[in-house]
Amino acid sequence: MADDRLRAVRAMVDGYIDRVEDADERRAAIRHLDGVASLAVLLALRRGLDAELAAVCGLVHDLYSYATGIRWLHAVSGAEMVRPMLRDTGLFTPEEVLLVVSAVFHHSDKAGTLRPEWLVAAAQPPRRARTVLPLAQRVADIAEALVASGIEGVPGNADYEAICRPFTGSDVLAEFHTGWCAAFVYACCQRAGLRLPLRHPRVSCRFGAVRGWLEWAQLDCVGLFRDAGCEPGRGDIVIYDDVLGRGPHDHIGVVLEVRSASLLVAEGNADGSNASGVVARDRRGHIGGYIRLDGDYVYEWSGEPEWSV
């Protein structure tokens, strides 16, 4: 059983590493992940811990970083990446999955004292943008430029593949087909310098879903949500309710211009078309609320993620 589990994890890791385009990066990934896994086994044996799970932790700890090329907050995002990956094998108990998730989540905490009863995650500071423009303005400018490029939600479209890449998975392009509006907003924010992990530790889903944005903005520690009655501005993130006929919080976009009765909004999967575009939206209907971006917001978290298997 142990050999089966390690082989299964190794096969998944190899699948991601094999897709890394740069040959030097592939070699570096193999050396690093194998080396950390071997060291983890030695430490586990010395301390009387589970050597097999230690090997799994080592093999997957930096997988997100190599698979996506994203280095910032890669421990938090990596934990969310490996959670369903291990769960769906059916080879690990929920407790074992969460143990590995916790190890990946905290592995960047080089200064912390890691004990099972007390774990502290140190967030990486965001890269500071070189421009003096406010965050909301940067997001709007990037969104406007992206939609102008005419993104289509199909494999082979470089912009679409870049938008999907942070969310990982061999079928992510197909999974986001006609449903990449939230991933588009995530890409705009990341390029503007707002560093967010794949999933916040206190919300129920990833930022690739509109619900993930809504729950994040409504957190007390974030406080960026504004109700539909507020006066919107350029760069606000607008959340729609049932605008595509799919129920609450079914669509999202970036406000480019505010008019007396309408909004001009940059959207991925505009109007469910599977293409980017600028859409005129009635301000009086289907608005679930806005996320008012604050340039002072910086992601930080201590403790365990509140995720279930």
Protein backbone atom coordinates (compact mmCIF):
# COMPACT_ATOMS: atom_id res chain seq x y z
CA MET A 1 0.00 0.00 0.00
CA ALA A 2 2.78 2.42 0.90
CA ASP A 3 4.51 1.78 -2.41
CA ASP A 4 1.21 2.32 -4.24
CA ARG A 5 0.66 5.64 -2.50
CA LEU A 6 4.15 6.93 -3.18
CA ARG A 7 3.99 5.79 -6.79
CA ALA A 8 0.66 7.58 -7.22
CA VAL A 9 2.03 10.82 -5.79
CA ARG A 10 5.22 10.50 -7.80
CA ALA A 11 3.21 10.03 -11.00
CA MET A 12 1.17 13.16 -10.32
CA VAL A 13 4.26 15.19 -9.50
CA ASP A 14 6.02 13.94 -12.63
CA GLY A 15 2.99 14.87 -14.70
CA TYR A 16 3.27 18.49 -13.61
CA ILE A 17 7.06 18.68 -13.87
CA ASP A 18 7.04 17.14 -17.35
CA ARG A 19 4.95 20.11 -18.52
CA VAL A 20 7.54 22.66 -17.38
CA GLU A 21 8.89 24.07 -20.63
CA ASP A 22 12.39 25.06 -19.52
CA ALA A 23 14.71 22.03 -19.33
CA ASP A 24 16.93 23.57 -16.63
CA GLU A 25 13.86 24.35 -14.52
CA ARG A 26 12.64 20.76 -14.91
CA ARG A 27 15.97 19.39 -13.73
CA ALA A 28 16.04 21.83 -10.82
CA ALA A 29 12.52 20.83 -9.82
CA ILE A 30 13.34 17.11 -9.82
CA ARG A 31 16.53 17.61 -7.81
CA HIS A 32 14.86 19.92 -5.30
CA LEU A 33 11.68 17.92 -4.70
CA ASP A 34 13.54 14.60 -4.50
CA GLY A 35 16.19 16.08 -2.22
CA VAL A 36 13.66 17.55 0.20
CA ALA A 37 11.66 14.30 0.20
CA SER A 38 14.81 12.31 1.07
CA LEU A 39 15.75 14.70 3.85
CA ALA A 40 12.19 14.63 5.20
CA VAL A 41 12.32 10.82 5.38
CA LEU A 42 15.60 10.91 7.31
CA LEU A 43 14.20 13.45 9.78
CA ALA A 44 10.99 11.45 10.20
CA LEU A 45 12.88 8.23 10.92
CA ARG A 46 15.07 10.00 13.43
CA ARG A 47 12.06 11.49 15.22
CA GLY A 48 9.82 8.43 15.06
CA LEU A 49 7.33 10.00 12.63
CA ASP A 50 5.62 8.61 9.54
CA ALA A 51 8.36 8.40 6.90
CA GLU A 52 5.94 7.77 4.05
CA LEU A 53 3.91 10.92 4.72
CA ALA A 54 7.15 12.83 5.22
CA ALA A 55 8.21 11.77 1.72
CA VAL A 56 4.87 12.91 0.31
CA CYS A 57 5.25 16.30 1.99
CA GLY A 58 8.69 16.72 0.48
CA LEU A 59 7.59 15.71 -3.01
CA VAL A 60 4.70 18.18 -3.15
CA HIS A 61 5.90 21.10 -1.00
CA ASP A 62 7.06 23.30 -3.92
CA LEU A 63 5.02 21.66 -6.68
CA TYR A 64 2.76 24.70 -7.14
CA SER A 65 5.74 26.97 -7.67
CA TYR A 66 7.25 24.76 -10.36
CA ALA A 67 3.92 23.98 -12.03
CA THR A 68 2.84 27.62 -12.36
CA GLY A 69 6.04 29.67 -12.15
CA ILE A 70 4.45 31.67 -9.31
CA ARG A 71 6.75 32.12 -6.33
CA TRP A 72 4.81 34.54 -4.10
CA LEU A 73 2.50 32.93 -1.51
CA HIS A 74 3.32 29.59 -3.10
CA ALA A 75 3.05 27.73 0.20
CA VAL A 76 -0.58 28.78 0.73
CA SER A 77 -1.51 28.17 -2.89
CA GLY A 78 0.43 24.92 -2.94
CA ALA A 79 -1.52 23.61 0.04
CA GLU A 80 -4.79 24.23 -1.79
CA MET A 81 -3.35 22.61 -4.91
CA VAL A 82 -2.38 19.35 -3.20
CA ARG A 83 -5.54 19.10 -1.05
CA PRO A 84 -7.87 17.81 -3.81
CA MET A 85 -4.96 16.12 -5.58
CA LEU A 86 -4.32 13.76 -2.65
CA ARG A 87 -7.99 13.48 -1.70
CA ASP A 88 -9.01 12.29 -5.15
CA THR A 89 -6.53 9.42 -5.15
CA GLY A 90 -8.64 7.71 -2.50
CA LEU A 91 -5.39 6.42 -0.97
CA PHE A 92 -5.14 8.81 1.97
CA THR A 93 -7.41 9.33 4.96
CA PRO A 94 -8.83 12.85 5.50
CA GLU A 95 -6.49 13.21 8.47
CA GLU A 96 -3.47 12.32 6.35
CA VAL A 97 -4.50 14.74 3.61
CA LEU A 98 -4.84 17.58 6.11
CA LEU A 99 -1.47 16.71 7.65
CA VAL A 100 0.24 17.07 4.26
CA VAL A 101 -1.78 20.22 3.51
CA SER A 102 -0.65 21.73 6.80
CA ALA A 103 2.99 20.90 6.10
CA VAL A 104 2.86 22.51 2.65
CA PHE A 105 0.90 25.51 3.96
CA HIS A 106 3.55 26.28 6.60
CA HIS A 107 6.76 25.28 4.85
CA SER A 108 7.77 28.86 4.06
CA ASP A 109 7.78 29.72 7.75
CA LYS A 110 11.51 29.40 8.10
CA ALA A 111 11.67 31.44 11.31
CA GLY A 112 8.74 29.83 13.11
CA THR A 113 8.82 27.02 15.63
CA LEU A 114 6.63 24.37 14.02
CA ARG A 115 4.76 22.26 16.55
CA PRO A 116 1.52 20.34 15.94
CA GLU A 117 -0.31 22.41 18.55
CA TRP A 118 0.97 25.78 17.38
CA LEU A 119 1.82 26.67 13.81
CA VAL A 120 2.40 30.17 12.53
CA ALA A 121 2.39 31.00 8.81
CA ALA A 122 4.50 33.96 7.78
CA ALA A 123 3.11 35.68 4.70
CA GLN A 124 5.54 36.82 2.07
CA PRO A 125 5.45 40.58 1.57
CA PRO A 126 3.93 41.66 -1.74
CA ARG A 127 6.09 43.04 -4.48
CA ARG A 128 5.59 46.76 -4.56
CA ALA A 129 4.39 48.16 -7.85
CA ARG A 130 6.70 50.76 -9.37
CA THR A 131 3.84 53.00 -10.40
CA VAL A 132 2.23 55.62 -8.16
CA LEU A 133 -1.25 54.89 -9.49
CA PRO A 134 -3.74 53.64 -6.88
CA LEU A 135 -4.40 49.90 -6.85
CA ALA A 136 -7.95 50.21 -8.22
CA GLN A 137 -6.69 52.33 -11.12
CA ARG A 138 -3.99 49.78 -11.93
CA VAL A 139 -6.51 46.94 -11.91
CA ALA A 140 -8.84 48.85 -14.23
CA ASP A 141 -6.04 49.75 -16.65
CA ILE A 142 -4.87 46.13 -16.81
CA ALA A 143 -8.42 44.81 -17.25
CA GLU A 144 -9.06 47.30 -20.04
CA ALA A 145 -5.88 46.28 -21.85
CA LEU A 146 -6.60 42.57 -21.45
CA VAL A 147 -10.12 42.72 -22.87
CA ALA A 148 -8.83 44.78 -25.78
CA SER A 149 -6.55 41.89 -26.72
CA GLY A 150 -9.60 39.77 -27.52
CA ILE A 151 -9.12 36.77 -25.25
CA GLU A 152 -10.97 33.61 -26.20
CA GLY A 153 -11.52 30.83 -23.67
CA VAL A 154 -10.00 28.08 -25.77
CA PRO A 155 -6.79 26.02 -25.54
CA GLY A 156 -4.04 27.66 -27.54
CA ASN A 157 -5.02 31.21 -26.63
CA ALA A 158 -1.96 32.38 -24.70
CA ASP A 159 -3.82 34.96 -22.59
CA TYR A 160 -6.51 32.45 -21.63
CA GLU A 161 -3.92 29.83 -20.68
CA ALA A 162 -2.05 32.41 -18.56
CA ILE A 163 -5.28 33.34 -16.76
CA CYS A 164 -6.02 29.68 -15.99
CA ARG A 165 -2.46 28.65 -15.06
CA PRO A 166 -2.51 29.66 -11.36
CA PHE A 167 -5.44 27.32 -10.71
CA THR A 168 -3.50 24.23 -11.87
CA GLY A 169 -4.82 20.88 -12.99
CA SER A 170 -4.44 19.05 -16.28
CA ASP A 171 -8.06 19.86 -17.23
CA VAL A 172 -8.17 23.44 -15.95
CA LEU A 173 -8.68 24.92 -19.44
CA ALA A 174 -11.73 22.73 -19.95
CA GLU A 175 -13.00 23.31 -16.42
CA PHE A 176 -12.97 27.10 -16.89
CA HIS A 177 -14.60 26.93 -20.32
CA THR A 178 -17.42 29.57 -20.28
CA GLY A 179 -16.71 30.15 -16.59
CA TRP A 180 -13.47 32.14 -16.28
CA CYS A 181 -14.79 35.55 -15.21
CA ALA A 182 -13.38 35.20 -11.67
CA ALA A 183 -10.04 33.89 -12.95
CA PHE A 184 -9.87 36.97 -15.22
CA VAL A 185 -10.34 39.28 -12.21
CA TYR A 186 -7.69 37.31 -10.29
CA ALA A 187 -5.22 37.81 -13.14
CA CYS A 188 -5.92 41.56 -13.26
CA CYS A 189 -5.36 41.91 -9.52
CA GLN A 190 -2.17 39.86 -9.49
CA ARG A 191 -0.69 41.84 -12.37
CA ALA A 192 -1.59 45.06 -10.58
CA GLY A 193 0.39 43.96 -7.52
CA LEU A 194 -2.39 42.63 -5.26
CA ARG A 195 -0.88 39.35 -4.09
CA LEU A 196 -3.52 36.81 -3.17
CA PRO A 197 -3.11 33.06 -2.72
CA LEU A 198 -5.07 30.56 -4.76
CA ARG A 199 -7.58 30.40 -1.91
CA HIS A 200 -7.85 32.40 1.29
CA PRO A 201 -7.56 30.16 4.39
CA ARG A 202 -11.00 31.20 5.66
CA VAL A 203 -13.19 30.93 2.55
CA SER A 204 -14.97 27.96 1.04
CA CYS A 205 -13.51 28.03 -2.47
CA ARG A 206 -10.76 29.41 -4.68
CA PHE A 207 -10.54 32.84 -6.27
CA GLY A 208 -11.40 31.09 -9.52
CA ALA A 209 -15.02 31.20 -8.33
CA VAL A 210 -17.07 34.37 -7.77
CA ARG A 211 -18.06 33.06 -4.35
CA GLY A 212 -14.40 33.01 -3.33
CA TRP A 213 -14.15 36.75 -4.04
CA LEU A 214 -17.38 37.53 -2.20
CA GLU A 215 -16.47 35.57 0.93
CA TRP A 216 -12.96 37.03 0.97
CA ALA A 217 -14.13 40.66 0.69
CA GLN A 218 -16.70 40.13 3.46
CA LEU A 219 -14.17 38.80 5.98
CA ASP A 220 -13.68 41.06 9.01
CA CYS A 221 -9.93 40.95 8.44
CA VAL A 222 -10.41 42.18 4.85
CA GLY A 223 -13.45 44.47 4.95
CA LEU A 224 -13.49 45.46 1.27
CA PHE A 225 -17.11 44.58 0.42
CA ARG A 226 -19.59 47.36 -0.37
CA ASP A 227 -23.30 46.77 -0.91
CA ALA A 228 -25.10 47.42 -4.18
CA GLY A 229 -26.32 50.83 -3.03
CA CYS A 230 -22.86 52.38 -2.82
CA GLU A 231 -21.54 54.72 -5.48
CA PRO A 232 -19.15 52.64 -7.61
CA GLY A 233 -15.89 53.85 -9.11
CA ARG A 234 -13.36 52.85 -11.74
CA GLY A 235 -11.44 49.79 -10.61
CA ASP A 236 -14.14 48.44 -8.33
CA ILE A 237 -14.83 44.74 -8.71
CA VAL A 238 -18.54 44.25 -9.32
CA ILE A 239 -20.32 41.05 -8.30
CA TYR A 240 -23.56 40.20 -10.08
CA ASP A 241 -26.51 38.15 -8.92
CA ASP A 242 -28.28 36.00 -11.52
CA VAL A 243 -27.16 38.19 -14.41
CA LEU A 244 -26.42 35.06 -16.48
CA GLY A 245 -29.38 33.14 -15.12
CA ARG A 246 -27.20 31.00 -12.85
CA GLY A 247 -28.32 32.25 -9.44
CA PRO A 248 -26.56 34.33 -6.77
CA HIS A 249 -23.04 35.66 -7.42
CA ASP A 250 -22.90 34.14 -10.90
CA HIS A 251 -20.64 36.70 -12.60
CA ILE A 252 -17.92 39.25 -11.84
CA GLY A 253 -15.98 42.00 -13.62
CA VAL A 254 -13.94 45.18 -13.25
CA VAL A 255 -15.66 48.56 -13.50
CA LEU A 256 -14.12 50.79 -16.17
CA GLU A 257 -16.59 53.65 -16.26
CA VAL A 258 -19.59 54.78 -14.20
CA ARG A 259 -22.51 56.40 -15.99
CA SER A 260 -25.80 57.72 -14.64
CA ALA A 261 -27.74 54.49 -15.22
CA SER A 262 -25.10 52.02 -16.30
CA LEU A 263 -21.62 50.67 -15.80
CA LEU A 264 -19.01 49.80 -18.40
CA VAL A 265 -17.40 46.62 -17.14
CA ALA A 266 -14.39 44.63 -18.34
CA GLU A 267 -15.23 40.96 -18.17
CA GLY A 268 -13.70 37.61 -18.92
CA ASN A 269 -16.31 35.33 -20.41
CA ALA A 270 -18.32 38.49 -21.12
CA ASP A 271 -22.06 37.77 -21.01
CA GLY A 272 -21.27 34.05 -21.07
CA SER A 273 -19.70 34.39 -24.52
CA ASN A 274 -16.40 32.63 -23.61
CA ALA A 275 -14.54 35.74 -24.80
CA SER A 276 -13.33 38.90 -23.08
CA GLY A 277 -15.18 42.14 -23.64
CA VAL A 278 -16.52 45.41 -22.28
CA VAL A 279 -20.19 45.17 -21.34
CA ALA A 280 -22.66 47.93 -20.47
CA ARG A 281 -24.59 46.88 -17.35
CA ASP A 282 -27.68 48.45 -15.81
CA ARG A 283 -26.75 49.84 -12.39
CA ARG A 284 -30.26 49.20 -11.10
CA GLY A 285 -30.42 45.45 -11.46
CA HIS A 286 -28.46 42.27 -10.77
CA ILE A 287 -25.76 44.05 -8.74
CA GLY A 288 -24.88 41.96 -5.71
CA GLY A 289 -22.25 44.38 -4.45
CA TYR A 290 -18.78 45.74 -5.05
CA ILE A 291 -15.27 45.07 -3.82
CA ARG A 292 -13.57 48.42 -3.19
CA LEU A 293 -9.85 47.74 -3.56
CA ASP A 294 -7.68 49.29 -0.89
CA GLY A 295 -4.01 49.89 -1.64
CA ASP A 296 -3.17 49.26 2.03
CA TYR A 297 -4.49 45.69 2.02
CA VAL A 298 -1.82 43.00 2.34
CA TYR A 299 -2.62 39.31 2.69
CA GLU A 300 -1.50 37.83 5.98
CA TRP A 301 -2.57 34.86 8.02
CA SER A 302 -1.52 32.90 11.09
CA GLY A 303 -2.80 29.53 12.15
CA GLU A 304 -4.20 26.62 10.18
CA PRO A 305 -6.30 27.00 7.04
CA GLU A 306 -10.00 26.41 7.69
CA TRP A 307 -10.35 23.90 4.87
CA SER A 308 -11.95 20.49 4.97
CA VAL A 309 -11.03 17.58 2.75
